[in-house]
Amino acid sequence: MNASTASRPAQRGLTLVQLMVGLAVGLGVTAATGALLGSTLRDARGAQRDQRLMQDLRTAADVVARDLRRAGHWGDAAAGVAGPGDTAVRSNPYTALSPDAAASDAASFRYSRDATENHAVDPNEQFGFRVRRGVLEMQLGNANWQALTDAGALTVTHFSVTPQAQTIDLQAQCQRPCPGGATACPPRLEVRSLALRLVARSATAPDVVRGLSHEVRLRNDRIVGACAA
């Protein structure tokens, strides 16, 4: 053995146990990273489902609310206001609001508005909403129903529209005062609103259920009662 060989330090490699420990640690880190990534992806998909469900609900509710505000529109509203010398005052034929009007519909709401003034509700002036097989539908005319929600995205589980009214005394505005302030002689302005409630579940994740409520103020108030002649 020469001097250069004797002074060289001995070289050592990894033992089998050390190699197995290193592999185990690496696999553990990889598994933890994969689990964290999977959890993050699941959370992201869940948030995306929630956002899509709520967006679809808001879109449908906005369409319902926008159309409901027009319920009761009357093209000849001036005929319902008494003036000097008037002997007859017409009633608005479009004021009826009918929740759950059709027995065949589990959840429905019907109303009308004026399109062609003839003091009568024509077939093309009838509108409404209903839930059929989990799909919210809108009535456009007598029997023309159009889907507002996609059955592949969500299933509507609850739909309701509840009429609410607040009356305001208009006795001071009568052409002739009502005698003795009798309660049989209002007249009163009925300020109407509708309480809308919509609930649905995701079609791809049935455990995801969301709902929203909305109050719709009708643009068309009505007069109830009249002063005695």
Protein backbone atom coordinates (compact mmCIF):
# COMPACT_ATOMS: atom_id res chain seq x y z
CA MET A 1 0.00 0.00 0.00
CA ASN A 2 1.53 3.29 -0.99
CA ALA A 3 1.25 6.58 0.94
CA SER A 4 -1.45 8.12 -1.25
CA THR A 5 -3.77 5.15 -0.78
CA ALA A 6 -3.30 5.09 2.95
CA SER A 7 -4.21 8.79 3.34
CA ARG A 8 -7.46 8.58 1.29
CA PRO A 9 -10.59 8.57 3.56
CA ALA A 10 -12.82 5.51 3.44
CA GLN A 11 -16.03 5.90 1.30
CA ARG A 12 -19.36 4.63 2.71
CA GLY A 13 -22.79 4.27 1.01
CA LEU A 14 -26.38 4.09 2.34
CA THR A 15 -27.48 1.00 4.10
CA LEU A 16 -30.69 -0.76 3.09
CA VAL A 17 -32.41 0.45 6.26
CA GLN A 18 -31.51 4.08 5.54
CA LEU A 19 -32.74 3.74 1.96
CA MET A 20 -36.07 2.29 3.11
CA VAL A 21 -36.50 5.03 5.71
CA GLY A 22 -35.86 7.69 3.07
CA LEU A 23 -38.36 6.11 0.70
CA ALA A 24 -40.96 5.93 3.48
CA VAL A 25 -40.48 9.60 4.36
CA GLY A 26 -40.75 10.59 0.69
CA LEU A 27 -43.91 8.53 0.21
CA GLY A 28 -45.42 10.07 3.34
CA VAL A 29 -44.75 13.60 2.12
CA THR A 30 -46.17 12.74 -1.31
CA ALA A 31 -49.30 11.18 0.22
CA ALA A 32 -49.87 14.22 2.48
CA THR A 33 -49.44 16.58 -0.47
CA GLY A 34 -51.86 14.51 -2.57
CA ALA A 35 -54.44 14.46 0.24
CA LEU A 36 -54.15 18.22 0.69
CA LEU A 37 -54.49 18.78 -3.05
CA GLY A 38 -57.52 16.47 -3.20
CA SER A 39 -59.18 18.26 -0.31
CA THR A 40 -58.51 21.62 -1.93
CA LEU A 41 -60.02 20.44 -5.22
CA ARG A 42 -63.10 19.05 -3.44
CA ASP A 43 -63.59 22.32 -1.60
CA ALA A 44 -63.20 24.25 -4.85
CA ARG A 45 -65.74 22.04 -6.62
CA GLY A 46 -68.14 22.40 -3.68
CA ALA A 47 -67.79 26.18 -3.71
CA GLN A 48 -68.35 26.20 -7.46
CA ARG A 49 -71.54 24.13 -7.06
CA ASP A 50 -72.79 26.49 -4.35
CA GLN A 51 -72.05 29.54 -6.46
CA ARG A 52 -73.73 28.08 -9.52
CA LEU A 53 -76.80 27.02 -7.54
CA MET A 54 -77.17 30.45 -5.94
CA GLN A 55 -76.56 32.19 -9.28
CA ASP A 56 -79.25 30.09 -10.95
CA LEU A 57 -81.64 30.79 -8.06
CA ARG A 58 -80.99 34.54 -8.20
CA THR A 59 -81.46 34.60 -11.96
CA ALA A 60 -84.79 32.77 -11.71
CA ALA A 61 -85.95 34.91 -8.78
CA ASP A 62 -85.06 38.11 -10.67
CA VAL A 63 -87.14 37.02 -13.66
CA VAL A 64 -90.08 36.12 -11.40
CA ALA A 65 -89.86 39.38 -9.42
CA ARG A 66 -89.53 41.54 -12.54
CA ASP A 67 -92.66 40.04 -14.10
CA LEU A 68 -94.67 40.00 -10.86
CA ARG A 69 -94.19 43.76 -10.46
CA ARG A 70 -96.32 44.22 -13.57
CA ALA A 71 -99.25 42.18 -12.25
CA GLY A 72 -102.51 44.10 -12.32
CA HIS A 73 -101.48 46.61 -14.99
CA TRP A 74 -104.59 48.28 -16.42
CA GLY A 75 -104.44 50.38 -19.56
CA ASP A 76 -107.57 52.34 -18.61
CA ALA A 77 -106.70 53.08 -14.98
CA ALA A 78 -108.21 56.57 -15.25
CA ALA A 79 -111.65 54.92 -15.51
CA GLY A 80 -111.24 53.69 -11.94
CA VAL A 81 -110.98 57.21 -10.47
CA ALA A 82 -114.15 59.21 -9.83
CA GLY A 83 -114.24 62.76 -11.08
CA PRO A 84 -116.77 65.61 -10.83
CA GLY A 85 -120.09 64.48 -12.27
CA ASP A 86 -119.06 60.83 -12.66
CA THR A 87 -121.90 58.39 -12.07
CA ALA A 88 -119.99 55.16 -12.61
CA VAL A 89 -116.48 54.04 -11.78
CA ARG A 90 -115.00 50.93 -13.34
CA SER A 91 -113.08 48.29 -11.39
CA ASN A 92 -109.70 47.04 -12.51
CA PRO A 93 -110.34 43.56 -14.00
CA TYR A 94 -106.69 42.56 -13.59
CA THR A 95 -106.28 42.77 -9.81
CA ALA A 96 -106.87 39.08 -9.02
CA LEU A 97 -103.88 37.21 -7.57
CA SER A 98 -104.27 33.45 -7.31
CA PRO A 99 -101.72 31.45 -5.30
CA ASP A 100 -102.03 27.68 -5.86
CA ALA A 101 -104.86 28.32 -8.28
CA ALA A 102 -104.58 25.06 -10.23
CA ALA A 103 -105.18 21.83 -8.36
CA SER A 104 -102.86 19.97 -10.75
CA ASP A 105 -99.92 22.20 -9.82
CA ALA A 106 -98.28 21.57 -6.45
CA ALA A 107 -96.93 25.11 -6.40
CA SER A 108 -98.29 27.79 -8.71
CA PHE A 109 -99.21 31.45 -8.84
CA ARG A 110 -101.48 33.10 -11.42
CA TYR A 111 -102.14 36.75 -12.28
CA SER A 112 -103.00 38.93 -15.27
CA ARG A 113 -102.16 42.27 -16.82
CA ASP A 114 -103.61 44.38 -19.60
CA ALA A 115 -102.35 43.98 -23.16
CA THR A 116 -105.34 45.09 -25.27
CA GLU A 117 -107.83 47.26 -23.39
CA ASN A 118 -111.36 45.85 -23.56
CA HIS A 119 -112.15 45.74 -19.81
CA ALA A 120 -111.85 41.95 -19.80
CA VAL A 121 -109.09 39.42 -19.12
CA ASP A 122 -108.24 37.77 -22.45
CA PRO A 123 -106.36 34.46 -22.79
CA ASN A 124 -103.16 36.21 -23.87
CA GLU A 125 -103.30 38.40 -20.75
CA GLN A 126 -102.97 35.50 -18.30
CA PHE A 127 -99.59 34.87 -16.69
CA GLY A 128 -98.18 32.77 -13.91
CA PHE A 129 -95.47 30.52 -12.50
CA ARG A 130 -95.49 26.88 -11.46
CA VAL A 131 -93.14 24.07 -10.45
CA ARG A 132 -93.42 20.98 -12.64
CA ARG A 133 -91.13 17.99 -12.10
CA GLY A 134 -88.65 20.14 -10.23
CA VAL A 135 -88.51 22.80 -12.94
CA LEU A 136 -89.80 26.34 -12.43
CA GLU A 137 -91.92 27.36 -15.42
CA MET A 138 -93.38 30.69 -16.51
CA GLN A 139 -96.74 31.07 -18.26
CA LEU A 140 -96.76 33.38 -21.27
CA GLY A 141 -100.35 33.57 -22.39
CA ASN A 142 -103.18 31.09 -21.97
CA ALA A 143 -101.31 27.77 -22.19
CA ASN A 144 -97.76 28.67 -23.20
CA TRP A 145 -95.33 27.53 -20.49
CA GLN A 146 -91.58 28.13 -20.66
CA ALA A 147 -88.91 26.65 -18.37
CA LEU A 148 -86.93 29.14 -16.26
CA THR A 149 -84.57 26.64 -14.59
CA ASP A 150 -82.40 23.84 -15.96
CA ALA A 151 -83.23 20.38 -14.60
CA GLY A 152 -79.64 19.34 -15.25
CA ALA A 153 -78.35 22.02 -12.89
CA LEU A 154 -80.91 22.20 -10.08
CA THR A 155 -84.21 20.81 -8.78
CA VAL A 156 -86.72 23.28 -7.37
CA THR A 157 -88.11 21.87 -4.11
CA HIS A 158 -90.18 24.83 -2.93
CA PHE A 159 -91.84 27.78 -4.63
CA SER A 160 -94.37 30.09 -3.03
CA VAL A 161 -95.74 33.58 -3.60
CA THR A 162 -97.75 35.02 -0.71
CA PRO A 163 -99.81 38.18 -1.32
CA GLN A 164 -99.57 40.91 1.31
CA ALA A 165 -101.57 44.12 1.48
CA GLN A 166 -101.58 47.36 3.44
CA THR A 167 -104.57 49.67 3.23
CA ILE A 168 -104.48 53.47 3.41
CA ASP A 169 -107.59 55.49 4.23
CA LEU A 170 -108.60 57.73 1.34
CA GLN A 171 -111.79 59.13 2.83
CA ALA A 172 -110.44 62.67 2.61
CA GLN A 173 -110.08 62.27 -1.15
CA CYS A 174 -113.74 61.38 -1.82
CA GLN A 175 -115.61 63.82 -4.00
CA ARG A 176 -118.20 64.07 -1.23
CA PRO A 177 -117.36 63.27 2.40
CA CYS A 178 -118.62 59.95 3.74
CA PRO A 179 -121.39 60.62 6.27
CA GLY A 180 -120.52 60.17 9.89
CA GLY A 181 -117.20 58.52 9.08
CA ALA A 182 -118.97 55.18 8.63
CA THR A 183 -116.64 52.21 8.20
CA ALA A 184 -118.83 50.90 5.36
CA CYS A 185 -117.66 53.82 3.28
CA PRO A 186 -113.87 53.66 3.06
CA PRO A 187 -112.55 54.07 0.27
CA ARG A 188 -109.05 52.67 0.76
CA LEU A 189 -105.92 52.39 -1.30
CA GLU A 190 -104.56 48.86 -1.13
CA VAL A 191 -100.78 48.85 -1.38
CA ARG A 192 -99.86 45.33 -2.42
CA SER A 193 -96.68 43.29 -2.26
CA LEU A 194 -95.74 39.64 -2.74
CA ALA A 195 -93.45 37.52 -0.57
CA LEU A 196 -91.46 35.23 -2.87
CA ARG A 197 -89.71 32.11 -1.54
CA LEU A 198 -87.61 29.81 -3.74
CA VAL A 199 -85.63 26.72 -2.61
CA ALA A 200 -83.65 24.28 -4.79
CA ARG A 201 -81.03 21.55 -4.53
CA SER A 202 -78.12 20.88 -6.83
CA ALA A 203 -78.76 18.20 -9.46
CA THR A 204 -75.15 16.98 -9.22
CA ALA A 205 -74.90 17.14 -5.40
CA PRO A 206 -78.34 16.49 -3.81
CA ASP A 207 -77.01 17.36 -0.35
CA VAL A 208 -76.41 20.97 -1.46
CA VAL A 209 -79.66 22.88 -0.83
CA ARG A 210 -80.03 26.64 -1.00
CA GLY A 211 -82.94 29.06 -0.78
CA LEU A 212 -83.71 32.74 -0.99
CA SER A 213 -86.57 35.08 -0.16
CA HIS A 214 -87.59 38.28 -1.91
CA GLU A 215 -90.32 40.86 -1.39
CA VAL A 216 -91.87 42.24 -4.57
CA ARG A 217 -93.71 45.56 -4.44
CA LEU A 218 -96.46 45.67 -7.06
CA ARG A 219 -96.51 48.81 -9.17
CA ASN A 220 -100.30 48.66 -9.54
CA ASP A 221 -102.20 49.46 -6.37
CA ARG A 222 -105.96 49.28 -6.26
CA ILE A 223 -108.86 51.14 -4.67
CA VAL A 224 -111.22 49.09 -2.51
CA GLY A 225 -114.59 50.40 -1.35
CA ALA A 226 -116.33 53.62 -2.35
CA CYS A 227 -118.19 56.50 -0.83
CA ALA A 228 -121.95 56.21 -0.71
CA ALA A 229 -123.80 58.00 -3.51
